[in-house]
Protein backbone atom coordinates (compact mmCIF):
# COMPACT_ATOMS: atom_id res chain seq x y z
CA UNK A 1 32.88 12.70 23.15
CA UNK A 2 35.32 13.49 20.36
CA UNK A 3 35.93 11.16 17.45
CA UNK A 4 38.66 8.59 17.97
CA UNK A 5 41.66 8.44 15.67
CA UNK A 6 40.07 5.43 13.99
CA UNK A 7 36.83 7.36 13.49
CA UNK A 8 38.66 10.24 11.84
CA UNK A 9 40.51 7.86 9.53
CA UNK A 10 37.23 6.17 8.65
CA UNK A 11 35.67 9.54 7.78
CA UNK A 12 38.64 10.56 5.62
CA UNK A 13 38.76 7.20 3.85
CA UNK A 14 35.01 7.00 3.18
CA UNK A 15 34.83 10.60 1.97
CA UNK A 16 37.85 9.96 -0.26
CA UNK A 17 35.96 7.09 -1.90
CA UNK A 18 33.28 9.57 -3.05
CA UNK A 19 35.88 12.07 -4.22
CA UNK A 20 36.03 14.43 -1.24
CA UNK A 21 39.07 15.54 0.76
CA UNK A 22 37.77 16.22 4.28
CA UNK A 23 41.16 16.90 5.84
CA UNK A 24 40.56 20.70 6.01
CA UNK A 25 37.11 20.15 7.53
CA UNK A 26 38.07 17.45 10.05
CA UNK A 27 38.10 19.76 13.12
CA UNK A 28 34.54 20.88 12.40
CA UNK A 29 33.28 17.34 11.87
CA UNK A 30 35.04 16.33 15.10
CA UNK A 31 33.27 19.14 16.96
CA UNK A 32 29.91 18.31 15.34
CA UNK A 33 30.37 14.67 16.40
CA UNK A 34 31.02 15.80 19.98
CA UNK A 35 27.93 18.03 20.06
CA UNK A 36 25.72 15.33 18.54
CA UNK A 37 26.80 12.53 20.87
CA UNK A 38 26.55 14.77 23.95
CA UNK A 39 23.09 16.10 23.07
CA UNK A 40 21.88 12.62 22.10
CA UNK A 41 22.30 11.50 25.71
CA UNK A 42 19.32 13.61 26.74
CA UNK A 43 17.38 14.62 23.62
CA UNK A 44 17.27 11.40 21.53
CA UNK A 45 18.19 13.11 18.28
CA UNK A 46 19.14 9.93 16.43
CA UNK A 47 18.90 6.19 16.97
CA UNK A 48 22.40 5.83 15.49
CA UNK A 49 24.81 6.26 18.41
CA UNK A 50 27.98 4.33 17.59
CA UNK A 51 30.95 6.11 16.06
CA UNK A 52 31.05 4.12 12.83
CA UNK A 53 27.30 4.59 12.36
CA UNK A 54 27.45 8.36 12.86
CA UNK A 55 30.47 8.72 10.59
CA UNK A 56 29.14 6.57 7.74
CA UNK A 57 25.35 6.68 8.03
CA UNK A 58 25.06 10.36 8.94
CA UNK A 59 28.17 12.28 7.84
CA UNK A 60 29.21 10.37 4.72
CA UNK A 61 25.65 9.46 3.73
CA UNK A 62 24.82 13.19 3.73
CA UNK A 63 27.87 13.96 1.61
CA UNK A 64 26.86 11.44 -1.07
CA UNK A 65 24.44 14.15 -2.26
CA UNK A 66 27.49 15.80 -3.84
CA UNK A 67 27.85 12.92 -6.28
CA UNK A 68 25.05 14.73 -8.15
CA UNK A 69 26.75 17.52 -10.16
CA UNK A 70 24.03 20.15 -9.70
CA UNK A 71 25.53 21.87 -6.64
CA UNK A 72 27.06 25.29 -7.36
CA UNK A 73 28.38 28.08 -5.14
CA UNK A 74 25.86 30.89 -4.74
CA UNK A 75 22.87 28.52 -4.52
CA UNK A 76 20.24 28.65 -1.80
CA UNK A 77 19.06 25.24 -0.60
CA UNK A 78 16.39 24.10 1.86
CA UNK A 79 16.79 20.82 3.76
CA UNK A 80 13.23 19.66 4.51
CA UNK A 81 12.90 17.57 7.67
CA UNK A 82 16.54 18.01 8.63
CA UNK A 83 16.22 16.30 12.03
CA UNK A 84 19.61 16.57 13.73
CA UNK A 85 20.98 18.40 10.68
CA UNK A 86 21.20 15.76 7.95
CA UNK A 87 22.04 16.07 5.14
CA UNK A 88 22.27 19.89 5.47
CA UNK A 89 24.98 20.40 8.10
CA UNK A 90 27.68 18.13 6.64
CA UNK A 91 27.02 19.66 3.21
CA UNK A 92 27.25 23.18 4.64
CA UNK A 93 30.61 22.34 6.23
CA UNK A 94 32.19 21.32 2.93
CA UNK A 95 30.35 23.81 0.70
CA UNK A 96 30.57 27.18 2.49
CA UNK A 97 29.67 28.99 -0.74
CA UNK A 98 26.13 27.56 -0.64
CA UNK A 99 23.40 28.95 1.62
CA UNK A 100 21.35 26.36 3.55
CA UNK A 101 18.05 26.69 5.42
CA UNK A 102 17.50 23.64 7.64
CA UNK A 103 13.80 23.08 8.30
CA UNK A 104 12.21 20.79 10.88
CA UNK A 105 8.90 20.66 12.73
CA UNK A 106 10.44 19.40 16.00
CA UNK A 107 11.58 22.30 18.18
CA UNK A 108 14.22 20.39 20.16
CA UNK A 109 15.91 19.28 16.94
CA UNK A 110 15.91 22.80 15.51
CA UNK A 111 17.36 24.09 18.80
CA UNK A 112 20.14 21.51 18.55
CA UNK A 113 20.90 22.43 14.92
CA UNK A 114 20.96 26.09 15.90
CA UNK A 115 23.44 25.33 18.69
CA UNK A 116 25.75 23.56 16.20
CA UNK A 117 25.52 26.55 13.83
CA UNK A 118 26.48 28.93 16.65
CA UNK A 119 29.24 26.75 18.13
CA UNK A 120 30.86 26.09 14.76
CA UNK A 121 30.30 29.76 13.75
CA UNK A 122 28.75 28.74 10.44
CA UNK A 123 27.84 31.76 8.31
CA UNK A 124 25.99 29.89 5.55
CA UNK A 125 23.34 28.05 7.57
CA UNK A 126 20.02 29.00 9.14
CA UNK A 127 17.75 26.75 11.26
CA UNK A 128 13.97 27.13 10.82
CA UNK A 129 11.32 25.66 13.11
CA UNK A 130 8.21 24.88 11.10
CA UNK A 131 6.56 22.68 8.50
CA UNK A 132 7.10 22.83 4.77
CA UNK A 133 3.31 22.93 4.25
CA UNK A 134 3.31 26.35 5.95
CA UNK A 135 6.67 27.64 4.72
CA UNK A 136 5.71 26.92 1.11
CA UNK A 137 2.80 29.36 1.36
CA UNK A 138 4.97 32.21 2.66
CA UNK A 139 5.47 34.64 -0.21
CA UNK A 140 9.12 35.28 0.74
CA UNK A 141 9.95 31.55 0.57
CA UNK A 142 7.64 29.99 -2.03
CA UNK A 143 9.49 28.93 -5.19
CA UNK A 144 12.62 30.84 -4.13
CA UNK A 145 15.13 28.05 -3.44
CA UNK A 146 17.50 26.72 -6.08
CA UNK A 147 17.14 23.24 -4.62
CA UNK A 148 15.47 21.23 -1.86
CA UNK A 149 16.99 18.21 -0.15
CA UNK A 150 15.48 15.58 2.06
CA UNK A 151 16.48 12.23 3.56
CA UNK A 152 13.11 10.67 2.94
CA UNK A 153 11.22 8.24 5.08
CA UNK A 154 7.95 9.13 3.32
CA UNK A 155 7.07 7.99 -0.21
CA UNK A 156 8.09 10.04 -3.23
CA UNK A 157 4.46 11.17 -3.69
CA UNK A 158 4.49 12.78 -0.25
CA UNK A 159 8.03 14.12 -0.55
CA UNK A 160 7.23 15.79 -3.88
CA UNK A 161 4.40 17.80 -2.31
CA UNK A 162 6.57 18.83 0.63
CA UNK A 163 9.51 20.02 -1.47
CA UNK A 164 8.59 21.12 -5.01
CA UNK A 165 6.52 24.17 -3.93
CA UNK A 166 9.64 25.63 -2.29
CA UNK A 167 11.83 25.34 -5.41
CA UNK A 168 12.03 27.84 -8.25
CA UNK A 169 11.41 26.78 -11.84
CA UNK A 170 14.78 25.58 -13.15
CA UNK A 171 15.83 24.25 -9.75
CA UNK A 172 15.78 20.69 -8.46
CA UNK A 173 14.76 18.43 -5.60
CA UNK A 174 17.19 15.75 -4.44
CA UNK A 175 15.68 12.94 -2.38
CA UNK A 176 17.89 10.49 -0.49
CA UNK A 177 16.28 7.06 -0.36
CA UNK A 178 17.44 3.61 0.70
CA UNK A 179 17.51 0.74 -1.76
CA UNK A 180 14.32 -0.43 -3.43
CA UNK A 181 13.03 2.97 -4.58
CA UNK A 182 12.04 1.61 -7.99
CA UNK A 183 8.56 0.59 -6.81
CA UNK A 184 7.83 4.20 -5.79
CA UNK A 185 8.73 5.82 -9.10
CA UNK A 186 5.68 4.98 -11.23
CA UNK A 187 3.02 5.81 -8.58
CA UNK A 188 4.74 9.15 -7.92
CA UNK A 189 4.88 10.34 -11.53
CA UNK A 190 1.36 11.92 -11.68
CA UNK A 191 1.94 13.80 -8.41
CA UNK A 192 5.35 15.04 -9.53
CA UNK A 193 3.88 16.34 -12.79
CA UNK A 194 0.93 17.98 -11.02
CA UNK A 195 3.35 19.87 -8.75
CA UNK A 196 5.48 21.19 -11.62
CA UNK A 197 8.20 18.57 -11.50
CA UNK A 198 9.79 16.05 -13.81
CA UNK A 199 11.81 13.04 -12.75
CA UNK A 200 15.32 13.66 -14.08
CA UNK A 201 17.22 10.64 -12.89
CA UNK A 202 17.79 8.09 -10.13
CA UNK A 203 21.42 7.70 -9.09
CA UNK A 204 22.16 4.35 -7.47
CA UNK A 205 25.16 4.18 -5.15
CA UNK A 206 26.67 2.32 -2.22
CA UNK A 207 27.79 3.82 1.07
CA UNK A 208 31.59 3.48 1.25
CA UNK A 209 33.02 0.73 3.47
CA UNK A 210 29.71 -0.86 4.49
CA UNK A 211 28.22 -0.99 0.96
CA UNK A 212 24.65 -0.17 2.02
CA UNK A 213 22.47 0.56 -1.02
CA UNK A 214 21.36 4.18 -1.50
CA UNK A 215 19.55 6.17 -4.19
CA UNK A 216 19.49 9.85 -5.05
CA UNK A 217 16.21 10.70 -6.76
CA UNK A 218 16.54 13.94 -8.72
CA UNK A 219 13.38 15.85 -9.67
CA UNK A 220 13.61 18.93 -11.91
CA UNK A 221 11.25 21.86 -11.33
CA UNK A 222 9.95 22.57 -14.84
CA UNK A 223 6.74 24.54 -14.17
CA UNK A 224 5.22 26.62 -11.34
CA UNK A 225 3.44 24.67 -8.60
CA UNK A 226 -0.33 25.35 -8.60
CA UNK A 227 -1.21 27.68 -5.69
CA UNK A 228 -3.34 25.12 -3.81
CA UNK A 229 -0.26 22.97 -3.11
CA UNK A 230 0.98 21.93 -0.66
CA UNK A 231 -2.23 21.15 1.17
CA UNK A 232 -2.65 21.73 4.92
CA UNK A 233 -0.20 20.27 7.42
CA UNK A 234 -0.50 16.50 7.69
CA UNK A 235 -2.74 16.09 4.63
CA UNK A 236 0.03 15.13 2.14
CA UNK A 237 1.11 12.16 4.27
CA UNK A 238 -2.42 11.02 5.09
CA UNK A 239 -3.75 11.41 1.55
CA UNK A 240 -0.89 11.38 -0.97
CA UNK A 241 -1.44 13.05 -4.34
CA UNK A 242 -2.07 10.73 -7.25
């Protein structure tokens, strides 16, 4: 199912409100929308199924990451827990000069992301099936990325352990959180420090049109992560660092 004319206008308008001109990228977003809605009939990739929801809560929400000025061409970025490709795929569409690895532990979701990459002939994206707890201990990946992104459902304590070990010193982690993140900041500070990070800032924003509250939590990587982190798969979420 392709986007309707109204859906395309909504995407252009909402993206314009965060300073992006998506007109050149509209055919790719249209195709991505088609692939997502078709696959979602059988795979259950996302609970959001209506056109407005996909456009605003997936596409535009992903693109709000670019309101943080740290993104530069030539970077390599890992999207941890990408699911159906968010925020990584929309970002890769509008920033072809950045290299993205999209990581997820669910095979069917990685297969879907890979099919989008192939269909849209994206040269700057790679889908990886696996867990960050394992990937972070691979010598060729550990502390090599310029940045890590995640649309977090877990607490900042857990997210820090799943992302910071992948990022080089001098890089950053950007965590997308819904409103009300303030209560997570203080409990997460010891874990962030232990993992080599430092909270840089929290950017509060609203999703265009629908005005849903969002936060971008930016964590700088200021020191190497001790080699024992992250712990084994599942441990960070069951027993968060403190």
